[in-house]
Amino acid sequence: MTADLTAGPWAKILQPLTPAVLLAAVFAQQATRKITAVGDPIKQSGWEPLCTLTATLEKAADLAMGQIQQVTTGNKQYALAALKLQVLAEMETKQIGYSALATTAAGKADIALSLLSTLHSDDIAAVFYAGDLRGNIGGVLNLLARAQENSGTGYCLADSSGNHAGASFTADKCGNKYHTLTGSSLKLTTEITDTGFKGFSPTNAITSGAAGDGACSLTTTGTNAAGTLFKSATAANIMSGTVTIKADDDTGEWKINNGRPLAVHGTSTTDSLLGKTYNALHKVNSRDVSDQPADIDAAVTAAAKSAAFKRTLTQILKAEPHKLADPALSKHVNDIAEDLAVSKPSGLEQLLKDIKEKKPKGAQEDPNTETALSTVNNMADLTKVLSYYTRQHTAAVSKLQKEVSDNHVKCSANKPEEVCNAIGEQEKCDNTPGCHYNKTKEGKKCTLSEEGKKEA
């Protein structure tokens, strides 16, 4: 089997120049020579949790992608719901309630957009750290595993009994494959905890420390045997600080996070790629975006059942032209909310039905053509519909204003005597300036008063 030291395109992009890369370069130069692993092997408890972590990093990156997708969808559905509800309000369908719902949905769209901005900031870093760490771990461990002899006499990775790892190590499960980011909502309940990543052990994972060469110290045979490739009594950090290694026969070391706990109460203070990755992914794993709607119905229902709906209704009914005050205000708010969302399912069902079946005008090239609201699903067309109804309302108001003005002119043209004569009731007549009620007069008893005659 030929080892893939790149650990996939992800690692190509994100993996820095690590000891694994340097080791690979040296191995390439010595490809024609037989390579033997001699020295002390690494316990399964030292390498297996790191292999497990590569799979966790893949899942966590998928979760981050999935959350961005969920919130993006939620933002879009709330925005579409807000516009469609306002269209219904403009069509004078339960105008106050639907208009309040439109405002509520728009507010929720803003909240989702703000959350999306946070996700972009946090999760891009999380995915970068995850890819970087995965490449580091996969590169080193796959190199060490590939250096093992089939005979089992020379090996760097041991199984649980301290022997050649053999089938215990699987390259594909240790970062040596290409991973395609796929959005997921699956939380990592056991892989990421408040104390670190699954299976991490603070103990030293070098099997033995006897004098002389044991099972793993990378070197060549023959006259070059004394020139070991990686052997030192000084500890070094590899995988961007994830592992501390001392390749020494007497005092060998392999410690994850230098043998220290990675995190306390969900926070790591370790200033390394491992610590930064943990903090970023713990935040992703702790986040809840399950309330984001996947479609219009879910967005409208969430807006109708939210506390913000009643607050919006209250603001609308307190203002012009309603100007309601308690107790009438509270009663009216509760009645509308009850009708649309609370104890009367038929109200919410009718609301969702209206969104599907109402046929507003204004979406097509011919603005008078009706279109099912359920098929108008982009911002531009919904804005065109709203513009159409705004123009219609403006024209209706202008027409009404003209009619009022014409009636005023017509009334002003009447003679004062005719104005008084048209009043039949005594009280109204006497309270009308310039008029006087004459009980003894035959015919029309409301006539011009003496003062009225002078002004006329």
Protein backbone atom coordinates (compact mmCIF):
# COMPACT_ATOMS: atom_id res chain seq x y z
CA MET A 1 0.00 0.00 0.00
CA THR A 2 1.28 3.46 -0.86
CA ALA A 3 0.61 6.09 1.82
CA ASP A 4 -1.18 9.27 0.84
CA LEU A 5 0.78 11.78 2.89
CA THR A 6 -1.33 14.70 1.79
CA ALA A 7 -4.42 13.52 3.73
CA GLY A 8 -6.65 14.91 1.01
CA PRO A 9 -7.03 18.33 -0.66
CA TRP A 10 -8.22 19.79 2.62
CA ALA A 11 -4.86 19.07 4.22
CA LYS A 12 -3.06 20.36 1.13
CA ILE A 13 -4.62 23.74 1.64
CA LEU A 14 -4.54 23.98 5.41
CA GLN A 15 -1.60 21.85 6.61
CA PRO A 16 1.47 23.93 7.56
CA LEU A 17 5.06 22.68 7.23
CA THR A 18 5.09 20.08 10.02
CA PRO A 19 7.64 17.42 11.00
CA ALA A 20 5.44 14.99 9.06
CA VAL A 21 6.12 16.92 5.87
CA LEU A 22 9.87 17.03 6.58
CA LEU A 23 9.88 13.31 7.31
CA ALA A 24 8.08 12.63 4.05
CA ALA A 25 10.71 14.58 2.11
CA VAL A 26 13.53 12.54 3.61
CA PHE A 27 11.69 9.30 2.90
CA ALA A 28 11.29 10.32 -0.72
CA GLN A 29 15.08 10.73 -1.02
CA GLN A 30 15.65 7.26 0.41
CA ALA A 31 12.95 5.49 -1.57
CA THR A 32 15.43 2.94 -3.01
CA ARG A 33 16.62 1.79 0.43
CA LYS A 34 14.94 -0.62 2.84
CA ILE A 35 13.50 1.36 5.76
CA THR A 36 13.30 -0.26 9.16
CA ALA A 37 11.55 1.12 12.25
CA VAL A 38 13.54 0.54 15.43
CA GLY A 39 12.99 2.08 18.89
CA ASP A 40 10.03 2.39 21.31
CA PRO A 41 6.50 2.20 19.82
CA ILE A 42 3.58 4.49 20.66
CA LYS A 43 0.75 2.95 22.67
CA GLN A 44 -2.70 2.66 21.15
CA SER A 45 -3.94 5.06 23.84
CA GLY A 46 -1.59 7.68 22.38
CA TRP A 47 -2.47 7.46 18.68
CA GLU A 48 -6.05 6.10 18.53
CA PRO A 49 -7.76 9.14 20.19
CA LEU A 50 -6.01 11.33 17.62
CA CYS A 51 -7.32 9.16 14.78
CA THR A 52 -10.78 9.35 16.33
CA LEU A 53 -10.36 13.12 16.49
CA THR A 54 -9.85 13.33 12.71
CA ALA A 55 -13.35 11.86 12.24
CA THR A 56 -14.73 14.22 14.91
CA LEU A 57 -13.21 17.18 13.07
CA GLU A 58 -14.95 16.10 9.88
CA LYS A 59 -18.32 15.85 11.66
CA ALA A 60 -17.82 19.17 13.42
CA ALA A 61 -17.02 20.93 10.15
CA ASP A 62 -20.20 19.41 8.67
CA LEU A 63 -22.18 20.66 11.69
CA ALA A 64 -20.80 24.17 11.25
CA MET A 65 -21.75 24.11 7.58
CA GLY A 66 -25.21 22.76 8.45
CA GLN A 67 -25.86 25.56 10.95
CA ILE A 68 -24.96 28.20 8.38
CA GLN A 69 -27.33 26.54 5.91
CA GLN A 70 -30.15 26.36 8.50
CA VAL A 71 -29.89 30.00 9.52
CA THR A 72 -29.55 31.15 5.88
CA THR A 73 -32.79 29.31 5.10
CA GLY A 74 -34.48 30.70 8.21
CA ASN A 75 -33.55 34.26 7.30
CA LYS A 76 -34.92 33.82 3.77
CA GLN A 77 -38.19 32.23 4.93
CA TYR A 78 -38.86 34.93 7.52
CA ALA A 79 -38.18 37.64 4.92
CA LEU A 80 -40.52 36.01 2.37
CA ALA A 81 -43.17 35.53 5.05
CA ALA A 82 -42.97 39.20 6.02
CA LEU A 83 -43.52 40.35 2.42
CA LYS A 84 -46.35 37.88 1.75
CA LEU A 85 -48.14 38.83 4.97
CA GLN A 86 -47.88 42.49 4.06
CA VAL A 87 -49.32 41.71 0.64
CA LEU A 88 -52.31 40.07 2.37
CA ALA A 89 -52.67 43.11 4.61
CA GLU A 90 -52.65 45.39 1.55
CA MET A 91 -55.38 43.20 0.05
CA GLU A 92 -57.36 44.09 3.21
CA THR A 93 -57.42 40.54 4.54
CA LYS A 94 -57.50 40.85 8.35
CA GLN A 95 -55.41 43.95 7.81
CA ILE A 96 -54.32 44.75 11.37
CA GLY A 97 -53.41 41.19 12.33
CA TYR A 98 -51.58 40.36 9.10
CA SER A 99 -49.71 43.67 9.11
CA ALA A 100 -48.57 43.04 12.70
CA LEU A 101 -47.48 39.54 11.71
CA ALA A 102 -45.54 40.94 8.75
CA THR A 103 -43.65 43.29 11.08
CA THR A 104 -42.97 40.42 13.51
CA ALA A 105 -41.64 38.16 10.74
CA ALA A 106 -39.43 40.97 9.45
CA GLY A 107 -37.98 41.36 12.95
CA LYS A 108 -37.21 37.66 13.09
CA ALA A 109 -35.54 37.88 9.68
CA ASP A 110 -33.27 40.60 11.10
CA ILE A 111 -32.41 38.43 14.11
CA ALA A 112 -31.56 35.50 11.81
CA LEU A 113 -29.39 37.77 9.65
CA SER A 114 -27.48 38.95 12.72
CA LEU A 115 -26.96 35.34 13.83
CA LEU A 116 -25.79 34.45 10.33
CA SER A 117 -23.14 37.14 10.53
CA THR A 118 -21.93 35.64 13.82
CA LEU A 119 -21.85 32.17 12.29
CA HIS A 120 -19.82 33.33 9.33
CA SER A 121 -17.29 34.92 11.68
CA ASP A 122 -17.07 31.98 14.11
CA ASP A 123 -17.53 28.99 11.84
CA ILE A 124 -15.07 29.97 9.11
CA ALA A 125 -12.40 29.98 11.81
CA ALA A 126 -13.74 26.68 13.22
CA VAL A 127 -13.62 24.95 9.83
CA PHE A 128 -10.11 26.31 9.16
CA TYR A 129 -8.79 25.09 12.53
CA ALA A 130 -10.48 21.70 12.06
CA GLY A 131 -8.93 21.23 8.62
CA ASP A 132 -5.51 22.34 9.82
CA LEU A 133 -5.52 19.97 12.79
CA ARG A 134 -6.90 17.07 10.76
CA GLY A 135 -4.10 17.47 8.23
CA ASN A 136 -1.45 17.61 10.95
CA ILE A 137 -2.68 14.48 12.72
CA GLY A 138 -3.36 12.47 9.57
CA GLY A 139 -0.01 13.33 8.03
CA VAL A 140 2.11 12.25 11.00
CA LEU A 141 0.20 9.12 12.04
CA ASN A 142 -0.18 7.77 8.52
CA LEU A 143 3.56 8.25 7.98
CA LEU A 144 4.38 6.37 11.18
CA ALA A 145 1.92 3.60 10.34
CA ARG A 146 3.30 3.24 6.80
CA ALA A 147 6.83 2.82 8.17
CA GLN A 148 5.84 -0.43 9.90
CA GLU A 149 7.21 -3.74 8.63
CA ASN A 150 4.73 -6.40 7.65
CA SER A 151 6.69 -8.89 9.74
CA GLY A 152 5.81 -6.97 12.87
CA THR A 153 9.36 -6.78 14.18
CA GLY A 154 9.65 -3.07 13.46
CA TYR A 155 6.74 -0.77 14.19
CA CYS A 156 6.00 2.72 15.55
CA LEU A 157 2.32 2.26 16.42
CA ALA A 158 1.38 -0.47 18.86
CA ASP A 159 -1.95 -2.16 19.56
CA SER A 160 -3.57 -2.44 22.99
CA SER A 161 -1.20 -5.31 23.88
CA GLY A 162 1.93 -3.39 22.87
CA ASN A 163 2.42 -5.41 19.68
CA HIS A 164 2.39 -4.30 16.04
CA ALA A 165 -0.78 -2.21 15.48
CA GLY A 166 -1.70 -4.21 12.39
CA ALA A 167 -5.40 -3.99 11.60
CA SER A 168 -6.02 -1.75 14.63
CA PHE A 169 -4.88 1.18 12.50
CA THR A 170 -7.03 2.12 9.49
CA ALA A 171 -5.69 4.88 7.27
CA ASP A 172 -9.14 5.99 6.08
CA LYS A 173 -10.22 6.48 9.68
CA CYS A 174 -7.19 8.57 10.49
CA GLY A 175 -7.43 11.53 8.12
CA ASN A 176 -5.98 9.77 5.09
CA LYS A 177 -8.93 10.44 2.79
CA TYR A 178 -10.64 13.37 1.09
CA HIS A 179 -13.59 14.76 3.04
CA THR A 180 -16.39 16.67 1.30
CA LEU A 181 -18.12 19.20 3.55
CA THR A 182 -21.79 18.23 3.84
CA GLY A 183 -24.18 20.24 5.99
CA SER A 184 -25.40 18.34 9.04
CA SER A 185 -27.48 19.04 12.15
CA LEU A 186 -26.08 16.07 14.11
CA LYS A 187 -24.65 17.21 17.47
CA LEU A 188 -21.44 15.59 18.74
CA THR A 189 -22.73 14.60 22.17
CA THR A 190 -19.89 12.23 23.09
CA GLU A 191 -17.03 13.39 20.86
CA ILE A 192 -16.82 16.95 22.26
CA THR A 193 -17.30 17.36 26.01
CA ASP A 194 -16.67 20.13 28.54
CA THR A 195 -13.26 18.61 29.35
CA GLY A 196 -11.92 18.00 25.85
CA PHE A 197 -12.12 15.56 22.96
CA LYS A 198 -13.15 11.93 23.30
CA GLY A 199 -10.53 9.45 24.58
CA PHE A 200 -7.73 11.91 25.34
CA SER A 201 -5.38 10.57 28.03
CA PRO A 202 -2.81 12.67 29.93
CA THR A 203 -0.47 9.69 30.38
CA ASN A 204 2.74 9.02 28.52
CA ALA A 205 2.11 6.75 25.53
CA ILE A 206 5.64 5.47 24.82
CA THR A 207 5.63 1.74 25.54
CA SER A 208 9.04 1.30 27.15
CA GLY A 209 12.26 3.06 27.94
CA ALA A 210 14.95 0.41 28.03
CA ALA A 211 18.53 1.04 26.94
CA GLY A 212 19.31 0.30 23.32
CA ASP A 213 17.02 0.33 20.32
CA GLY A 214 13.56 -1.17 20.65
CA ALA A 215 10.84 -1.21 17.99
CA CYS A 216 10.63 2.33 16.58
CA SER A 217 13.33 4.82 15.68
CA LEU A 218 13.33 5.65 12.01
CA THR A 219 16.66 4.78 10.42
CA THR A 220 18.26 2.86 7.56
CA THR A 221 19.95 -0.52 7.70
CA GLY A 222 23.57 -1.40 7.21
CA THR A 223 26.31 1.21 7.53
CA ASN A 224 23.74 4.01 8.01
CA ALA A 225 22.15 2.39 11.07
CA ALA A 226 23.82 4.81 13.46
CA GLY A 227 22.39 7.82 11.62
CA THR A 228 18.83 7.81 12.92
CA LEU A 229 16.33 10.04 11.24
CA PHE A 230 14.34 11.17 14.27
CA LYS A 231 15.91 10.50 17.65
CA SER A 232 16.59 12.98 20.43
CA ALA A 233 16.72 13.29 24.21
CA THR A 234 15.04 16.71 23.88
CA ALA A 235 11.24 16.89 23.79
CA ALA A 236 9.68 18.55 20.74
CA ASN A 237 6.15 19.67 19.87
CA ILE A 238 4.63 18.25 16.70
CA MET A 239 1.24 18.59 14.98
CA SER A 240 1.28 22.33 15.81
CA GLY A 241 1.68 21.62 19.52
CA THR A 242 -0.86 18.80 19.74
CA VAL A 243 1.70 16.18 20.80
CA THR A 244 4.93 16.44 22.76
CA ILE A 245 7.41 13.77 21.66
CA LYS A 246 10.82 12.75 22.94
CA ALA A 247 12.35 10.04 20.70
CA ASP A 248 14.75 8.70 23.32
CA ASP A 249 15.35 5.07 24.34
CA ASP A 250 15.59 5.77 28.06
CA THR A 251 13.07 8.59 28.57
CA GLY A 252 10.76 8.38 25.58
CA GLU A 253 7.59 10.48 25.58
CA TRP A 254 4.39 10.82 23.55
CA LYS A 255 1.91 13.07 25.32
CA ILE A 256 -1.24 14.69 23.92
CA ASN A 257 -1.41 18.35 25.01
CA ASN A 258 1.81 17.74 26.99
CA GLY A 259 -0.11 15.49 29.37
CA ARG A 260 -2.44 18.25 30.60
CA PRO A 261 -6.27 18.28 30.56
CA LEU A 262 -7.40 20.10 27.42
CA ALA A 263 -10.37 22.03 28.83
CA VAL A 264 -12.32 22.94 31.96
CA HIS A 265 -16.05 23.74 31.82
CA GLY A 266 -15.99 23.92 28.03
CA THR A 267 -13.03 26.30 27.69
CA SER A 268 -9.42 25.56 26.80
CA THR A 269 -6.64 27.95 27.80
CA THR A 270 -4.09 26.01 25.76
CA ASP A 271 -2.44 28.37 23.27
CA SER A 272 -2.08 25.89 20.42
CA LEU A 273 -3.93 24.70 17.36
CA LEU A 274 -5.51 21.96 19.49
CA GLY A 275 -6.82 24.49 22.05
CA LYS A 276 -8.09 26.93 19.44
CA THR A 277 -9.81 24.10 17.55
CA TYR A 278 -11.49 22.83 20.70
CA ASN A 279 -12.83 26.28 21.69
CA ALA A 280 -14.17 26.97 18.19
CA LEU A 281 -15.84 23.57 17.82
CA HIS A 282 -17.24 23.53 21.35
CA LYS A 283 -19.01 26.80 20.50
CA VAL A 284 -20.40 25.26 17.30
CA ASN A 285 -21.51 22.12 19.12
CA SER A 286 -23.21 24.11 21.91
CA ARG A 287 -25.16 26.37 19.56
CA ASP A 288 -28.88 25.71 18.98
CA VAL A 289 -30.39 26.81 15.66
CA SER A 290 -33.23 24.28 15.63
CA ASP A 291 -35.83 27.07 15.79
CA GLN A 292 -34.96 28.32 12.30
CA PRO A 293 -37.90 27.72 9.91
CA ALA A 294 -37.39 25.55 6.86
CA ASP A 295 -40.38 26.93 4.92
CA ILE A 296 -42.98 29.73 4.79
CA ASP A 297 -45.54 27.87 6.92
CA ALA A 298 -43.02 27.33 9.71
CA ALA A 299 -41.92 30.99 9.55
CA VAL A 300 -45.50 32.33 9.75
CA THR A 301 -46.41 29.92 12.55
CA ALA A 302 -43.33 30.89 14.58
CA ALA A 303 -44.08 34.60 14.13
CA ALA A 304 -47.75 34.15 15.07
CA LYS A 305 -46.91 32.24 18.25
CA SER A 306 -44.11 34.55 19.39
CA ALA A 307 -44.37 37.12 22.19
CA ALA A 308 -43.18 39.74 19.68
CA PHE A 309 -46.49 39.42 17.79
CA LYS A 310 -48.54 40.76 20.69
CA ARG A 311 -46.02 43.53 21.32
CA THR A 312 -46.28 44.60 17.68
CA LEU A 313 -50.09 44.48 17.79
CA THR A 314 -50.05 46.68 20.88
CA GLN A 315 -47.86 49.29 19.17
CA ILE A 316 -50.12 49.39 16.10
CA LEU A 317 -53.37 49.73 18.06
CA LYS A 318 -51.99 52.42 20.38
CA ALA A 319 -51.05 54.63 17.43
CA GLU A 320 -53.16 56.53 14.90
CA PRO A 321 -55.80 55.95 13.69
CA HIS A 322 -56.83 53.47 16.40
CA LYS A 323 -55.45 55.18 19.54
CA LEU A 324 -56.74 52.45 21.84
CA ALA A 325 -55.98 52.37 25.56
CA ASP A 326 -56.53 49.72 28.21
CA PRO A 327 -58.75 47.87 28.86
CA ALA A 328 -59.97 48.06 25.25
CA LEU A 329 -56.37 47.86 23.97
CA SER A 330 -55.50 44.61 25.78
CA LYS A 331 -58.81 43.03 24.82
CA HIS A 332 -58.38 43.88 21.15
CA VAL A 333 -54.76 42.61 21.11
CA ASN A 334 -55.75 39.35 22.79
CA ASP A 335 -58.73 38.86 20.47
CA ILE A 336 -56.60 39.24 17.32
CA ALA A 337 -53.81 37.03 18.66
CA GLU A 338 -56.36 34.45 19.80
CA ASP A 339 -57.98 34.42 16.39
CA LEU A 340 -54.73 34.00 14.48
CA ALA A 341 -52.52 31.85 16.63
CA VAL A 342 -53.53 30.80 20.11
CA SER A 343 -56.66 28.78 20.87
CA LYS A 344 -58.34 28.85 17.47
CA PRO A 345 -56.46 26.59 15.05
CA SER A 346 -58.89 27.58 12.31
CA GLY A 347 -57.48 31.11 12.37
CA LEU A 348 -53.91 29.94 11.77
CA GLU A 349 -55.10 27.44 9.20
CA GLN A 350 -56.91 30.20 7.33
CA LEU A 351 -53.81 32.36 7.49
CA LEU A 352 -51.64 29.65 5.93
CA LYS A 353 -54.36 28.94 3.39
CA ASP A 354 -54.51 32.62 2.42
CA ILE A 355 -50.77 32.64 1.78
CA LYS A 356 -51.17 29.71 -0.60
CA GLU A 357 -54.42 30.61 -2.36
CA LYS A 358 -54.81 34.38 -2.46
CA LYS A 359 -54.12 35.82 -5.91
CA PRO A 360 -52.68 39.32 -5.77
CA LYS A 361 -52.02 41.49 -8.79
CA GLY A 362 -48.83 43.25 -9.78
CA ALA A 363 -46.34 40.37 -10.08
CA GLN A 364 -46.61 39.93 -13.86
CA GLU A 365 -45.66 42.20 -16.74
CA ASP A 366 -49.36 43.03 -17.01
CA PRO A 367 -49.96 44.36 -13.47
CA ASN A 368 -53.66 43.48 -13.61
CA THR A 369 -52.90 39.76 -14.00
CA GLU A 370 -53.57 37.74 -10.86
CA THR A 371 -50.91 35.32 -9.58
CA ALA A 372 -51.20 32.73 -6.81
CA LEU A 373 -49.24 34.06 -3.83
CA SER A 374 -47.77 30.61 -3.25
CA THR A 375 -45.87 30.90 -6.56
CA VAL A 376 -44.41 34.36 -5.89
CA ASN A 377 -41.24 33.45 -4.03
CA ASN A 378 -38.62 36.09 -4.68
CA MET A 379 -38.13 39.49 -3.12
CA ALA A 380 -38.28 41.41 -6.38
CA ASP A 381 -41.70 40.09 -7.45
CA LEU A 382 -43.19 40.50 -3.97
CA THR A 383 -41.93 44.09 -3.89
CA LYS A 384 -43.62 44.66 -7.28
CA VAL A 385 -46.89 43.36 -5.81
CA LEU A 386 -46.62 45.69 -2.82
CA SER A 387 -45.86 48.61 -5.14
CA TYR A 388 -48.98 47.79 -7.17
CA TYR A 389 -51.23 47.92 -4.10
CA THR A 390 -49.53 51.07 -2.83
CA ARG A 391 -50.36 52.74 -6.14
CA GLN A 392 -53.95 51.49 -5.92
CA HIS A 393 -54.37 52.83 -2.40
CA THR A 394 -52.84 56.17 -3.37
CA ALA A 395 -55.25 56.48 -6.30
CA ALA A 396 -58.22 55.56 -4.07
CA VAL A 397 -57.23 58.18 -1.49
CA SER A 398 -56.82 60.83 -4.20
CA LYS A 399 -60.26 59.97 -5.60
CA LEU A 400 -61.85 60.20 -2.15
CA GLN A 401 -60.18 63.53 -1.48
CA LYS A 402 -61.54 64.87 -4.77
CA GLU A 403 -65.07 63.68 -3.94
CA VAL A 404 -64.94 65.35 -0.53
CA SER A 405 -63.65 68.54 -2.09
CA ASP A 406 -66.39 68.52 -4.77
CA ASN A 407 -69.08 67.96 -2.16
CA HIS A 408 -67.71 70.81 -0.09
CA VAL A 409 -67.83 73.15 -3.07
CA LYS A 410 -71.33 72.00 -3.90
CA CYS A 411 -72.52 72.60 -0.36
CA SER A 412 -70.85 76.00 -0.26
CA ALA A 413 -72.75 77.01 -3.41
CA ASN A 414 -76.16 76.53 -1.74
CA LYS A 415 -77.99 79.74 -0.61
CA PRO A 416 -78.01 80.30 3.17
CA GLU A 417 -81.81 80.16 3.23
CA GLU A 418 -81.73 76.76 1.57
CA VAL A 419 -79.20 75.52 4.08
CA CYS A 420 -81.51 76.47 6.96
CA ASN A 421 -84.63 75.16 5.26
CA ALA A 422 -83.02 71.77 4.90
CA ILE A 423 -82.80 71.41 8.69
CA GLY A 424 -85.93 69.93 10.21
CA GLU A 425 -85.12 69.61 13.91
CA GLN A 426 -85.51 72.65 16.18
CA GLU A 427 -82.46 71.99 18.30
CA LYS A 428 -80.21 71.49 15.29
CA CYS A 429 -81.69 74.55 13.60
CA ASP A 430 -81.14 76.84 16.58
CA ASN A 431 -77.56 75.56 16.97
CA THR A 432 -76.72 76.25 13.32
CA PRO A 433 -75.16 79.72 12.86
CA GLY A 434 -77.50 82.09 10.93
CA CYS A 435 -80.58 79.89 11.39
CA HIS A 436 -83.69 80.28 13.57
CA TYR A 437 -86.56 77.87 14.23
CA ASN A 438 -90.02 79.55 13.86
CA LYS A 439 -92.70 77.34 15.36
CA THR A 440 -95.58 79.42 14.03
CA LYS A 441 -94.37 79.57 10.47
CA GLU A 442 -96.15 77.44 7.96
CA GLY A 443 -94.05 75.15 5.81
CA LYS A 444 -90.34 75.04 6.51
CA LYS A 445 -89.89 76.31 10.04
CA CYS A 446 -86.07 76.61 10.02
CA THR A 447 -85.28 79.91 8.36
CA LEU A 448 -82.61 82.56 8.32
CA SER A 449 -82.35 84.52 11.54
CA GLU A 450 -82.09 88.30 11.49
CA GLU A 451 -78.35 87.98 11.96
CA GLY A 452 -78.20 85.45 9.19
CA LYS A 453 -80.06 87.73 6.84
CA LYS A 454 -77.56 90.51 7.51
CA GLU A 455 -74.59 88.24 6.75
CA ALA A 456 -76.28 86.88 3.64
